[in-house]
Amino acid sequence: MTTQALQQYVLDAERAFERQEWLEGKELLHEALEIEPVYAQAHNHLGWLYIYHLTDYALAEMHLNLALKYAPGYHAPYIHMAQLLFDAGRLDELEALLNKATKVTGVQKSFIYNDFGRTQEVRGRYRKAISHYKLAARWSFDEREIQTIKDNIRRCRQKRWMLFW
């Protein structure tokens, strides 16, 4: 089967997701994987689906790991896996993933540096968090994202001063 045909399965699944027909989209992705078990894009989309809509983190992690394994240069699974690891509190694994992601073409660097900031913030390393948030702002060209980053910096500064209370 051609890559174009596999991509059509993914596009059809995305259309199903837009209609909030999660199970239909899931079936389309599984059909693509029956044809080509190493198709990273289908694994990525299933990982996304299991994180955000079907709430099965074990399956999400499995599919995202397969996407990363079969296409380490594909940027999308890094974003979803980062969210999964952060939510699970697996910060060391998250930082290792983010370090890999910085070398992948197409990964949104503002997102990666923002996530580095979040890991430092959660660890109580507010100055390091602020440094990462500033890097995120440097790589961002979206006004709303920049505002969120400013809010992150402001929050870290407040937390830093709370340590002296």
Protein backbone atom coordinates (compact mmCIF):
# COMPACT_ATOMS: atom_id res chain seq x y z
CA MET A 1 0.00 0.00 0.00
CA THR A 2 1.24 3.48 -0.79
CA THR A 3 2.04 6.16 1.71
CA GLN A 4 -0.69 8.24 0.11
CA ALA A 5 -3.30 5.60 0.94
CA LEU A 6 -2.08 5.41 4.56
CA GLN A 7 -2.23 9.19 4.80
CA GLN A 8 -5.83 9.05 3.60
CA TYR A 9 -6.70 6.82 6.57
CA VAL A 10 -5.19 9.42 8.90
CA LEU A 11 -7.02 12.28 7.16
CA ASP A 12 -10.29 10.38 7.41
CA ALA A 13 -9.62 9.74 11.09
CA GLU A 14 -8.93 13.46 11.63
CA ARG A 15 -12.26 14.29 9.98
CA ALA A 16 -13.99 11.82 12.30
CA PHE A 17 -12.28 13.50 15.27
CA GLU A 18 -13.50 16.90 14.09
CA ARG A 19 -17.02 15.47 14.28
CA GLN A 20 -16.16 14.05 17.73
CA GLU A 21 -16.61 10.54 16.40
CA TRP A 22 -13.71 9.16 18.41
CA LEU A 23 -14.39 5.45 17.87
CA GLU A 24 -14.77 5.83 14.11
CA GLY A 25 -11.43 7.65 13.96
CA LYS A 26 -9.83 5.02 16.16
CA GLU A 27 -11.02 2.25 13.83
CA LEU A 28 -9.60 4.05 10.79
CA LEU A 29 -6.22 4.36 12.48
CA HIS A 30 -6.26 0.70 13.46
CA GLU A 31 -7.05 -0.21 9.84
CA ALA A 32 -3.99 1.78 8.74
CA LEU A 33 -1.86 -0.08 11.30
CA GLU A 34 -3.19 -3.44 10.10
CA ILE A 35 -1.84 -2.54 6.67
CA GLU A 36 1.40 -0.95 7.92
CA PRO A 37 2.16 -1.71 11.60
CA VAL A 38 5.10 0.73 11.70
CA TYR A 39 3.18 3.75 10.41
CA ALA A 40 4.24 6.35 12.97
CA GLN A 41 1.60 8.92 12.12
CA ALA A 42 -1.22 6.48 12.94
CA HIS A 43 0.51 5.57 16.22
CA ASN A 44 0.86 9.26 17.07
CA HIS A 45 -2.80 9.97 16.41
CA LEU A 46 -3.85 7.00 18.51
CA GLY A 47 -1.61 8.23 21.32
CA TRP A 48 -3.26 11.65 21.12
CA LEU A 49 -6.70 10.05 21.10
CA TYR A 50 -5.99 7.88 24.14
CA ILE A 51 -4.58 10.83 26.13
CA TYR A 52 -7.20 13.46 25.44
CA HIS A 53 -10.42 11.61 24.63
CA LEU A 54 -10.39 7.94 25.62
CA THR A 55 -8.30 8.39 28.78
CA ASP A 56 -6.15 5.29 28.55
CA TYR A 57 -2.64 6.45 29.41
CA ALA A 58 -1.04 3.02 29.06
CA LEU A 59 -2.26 2.70 25.46
CA ALA A 60 -1.38 6.33 24.79
CA GLU A 61 2.17 5.77 26.00
CA MET A 62 2.52 2.55 24.00
CA HIS A 63 1.42 4.22 20.75
CA LEU A 64 3.51 7.33 21.31
CA ASN A 65 6.59 5.22 22.05
CA LEU A 66 5.99 3.31 18.82
CA ALA A 67 5.63 6.57 16.90
CA LEU A 68 8.91 7.80 18.36
CA LYS A 69 10.60 4.48 17.61
CA TYR A 70 9.46 4.23 14.00
CA ALA A 71 9.91 7.91 13.12
CA PRO A 72 12.27 9.66 15.56
CA GLY A 73 12.31 12.70 13.27
CA TYR A 74 8.52 13.11 13.35
CA HIS A 75 7.81 16.06 15.62
CA ALA A 76 4.20 15.49 16.75
CA PRO A 77 4.65 12.56 19.18
CA TYR A 78 7.19 14.56 21.19
CA ILE A 79 4.50 17.09 22.09
CA HIS A 80 1.96 14.49 23.16
CA MET A 81 4.46 12.35 25.05
CA ALA A 82 5.70 15.47 26.86
CA GLN A 83 2.18 16.14 28.11
CA LEU A 84 1.74 12.53 29.21
CA LEU A 85 5.04 12.48 31.11
CA PHE A 86 4.35 15.84 32.76
CA ASP A 87 0.90 14.75 33.88
CA ALA A 88 2.39 11.53 35.28
CA GLY A 89 5.06 13.51 37.17
CA ARG A 90 7.84 11.66 35.35
CA LEU A 91 10.04 14.74 35.12
CA ASP A 92 13.41 13.05 34.53
CA GLU A 93 11.97 11.16 31.55
CA LEU A 94 10.31 14.35 30.36
CA GLU A 95 13.58 16.28 30.41
CA ALA A 96 15.33 13.50 28.46
CA LEU A 97 12.53 13.58 25.88
CA LEU A 98 12.67 17.38 25.63
CA ASN A 99 16.43 17.25 25.08
CA LYS A 100 15.87 14.87 22.15
CA ALA A 101 13.05 17.03 20.84
CA THR A 102 15.24 20.14 20.60
CA LYS A 103 17.15 18.38 17.81
CA VAL A 104 14.07 17.41 15.77
CA THR A 105 13.19 19.53 12.78
CA GLY A 106 9.70 20.96 13.01
CA VAL A 107 9.29 20.74 16.76
CA GLN A 108 7.90 23.97 18.14
CA LYS A 109 10.81 25.24 20.22
CA SER A 110 8.63 27.63 22.18
CA PHE A 111 6.64 24.64 23.40
CA ILE A 112 9.78 22.66 24.27
CA TYR A 113 11.36 25.49 26.27
CA ASN A 114 8.05 26.22 27.98
CA ASP A 115 7.93 22.57 29.07
CA PHE A 116 11.51 22.78 30.33
CA GLY A 117 10.30 25.75 32.36
CA ARG A 118 7.36 23.80 33.75
CA THR A 119 9.63 20.98 34.91
CA GLN A 120 11.91 23.44 36.70
CA GLU A 121 8.96 25.28 38.20
CA VAL A 122 7.45 22.09 39.60
CA ARG A 123 10.82 21.26 41.12
CA GLY A 124 10.93 24.66 42.81
CA ARG A 125 13.83 25.92 40.68
CA TYR A 126 12.18 29.19 39.82
CA ARG A 127 15.17 31.06 38.38
CA LYS A 128 15.89 28.18 35.99
CA ALA A 129 12.22 28.03 35.10
CA ILE A 130 12.21 31.75 34.28
CA SER A 131 15.29 31.30 32.07
CA HIS A 132 13.53 28.56 30.12
CA TYR A 133 10.35 30.60 29.85
CA LYS A 134 12.38 33.48 28.42
CA LEU A 135 13.83 31.12 25.80
CA ALA A 136 10.30 30.00 25.00
CA ALA A 137 9.28 33.62 24.46
CA ARG A 138 12.24 34.16 22.14
CA TRP A 139 11.00 31.31 19.92
CA SER A 140 7.34 32.31 20.00
CA PHE A 141 5.61 34.48 17.44
CA ASP A 142 2.08 34.06 18.73
CA GLU A 143 0.68 36.84 20.91
CA ARG A 144 -1.45 34.53 23.07
CA GLU A 145 1.42 32.14 23.60
CA ILE A 146 3.70 35.03 24.56
CA GLN A 147 1.10 36.24 27.06
CA THR A 148 0.93 32.75 28.58
CA ILE A 149 4.72 32.70 28.87
CA LYS A 150 4.66 36.13 30.57
CA ASP A 151 2.08 34.75 33.00
CA ASN A 152 4.35 31.77 33.68
CA ILE A 153 7.26 34.09 34.47
CA ARG A 154 5.09 36.26 36.72
CA ARG A 155 3.86 33.16 38.57
CA CYS A 156 7.43 31.93 39.13
CA ARG A 157 8.48 35.31 40.48
CA GLN A 158 5.56 35.21 42.92
CA LYS A 159 6.45 31.70 44.01
CA ARG A 160 10.08 32.71 44.50
CA TRP A 161 9.05 35.47 46.88
CA MET A 162 6.67 33.16 48.72
CA LEU A 163 9.68 31.17 49.89
CA PHE A 164 10.61 34.07 52.18
CA TRP A 165 7.26 34.25 53.99
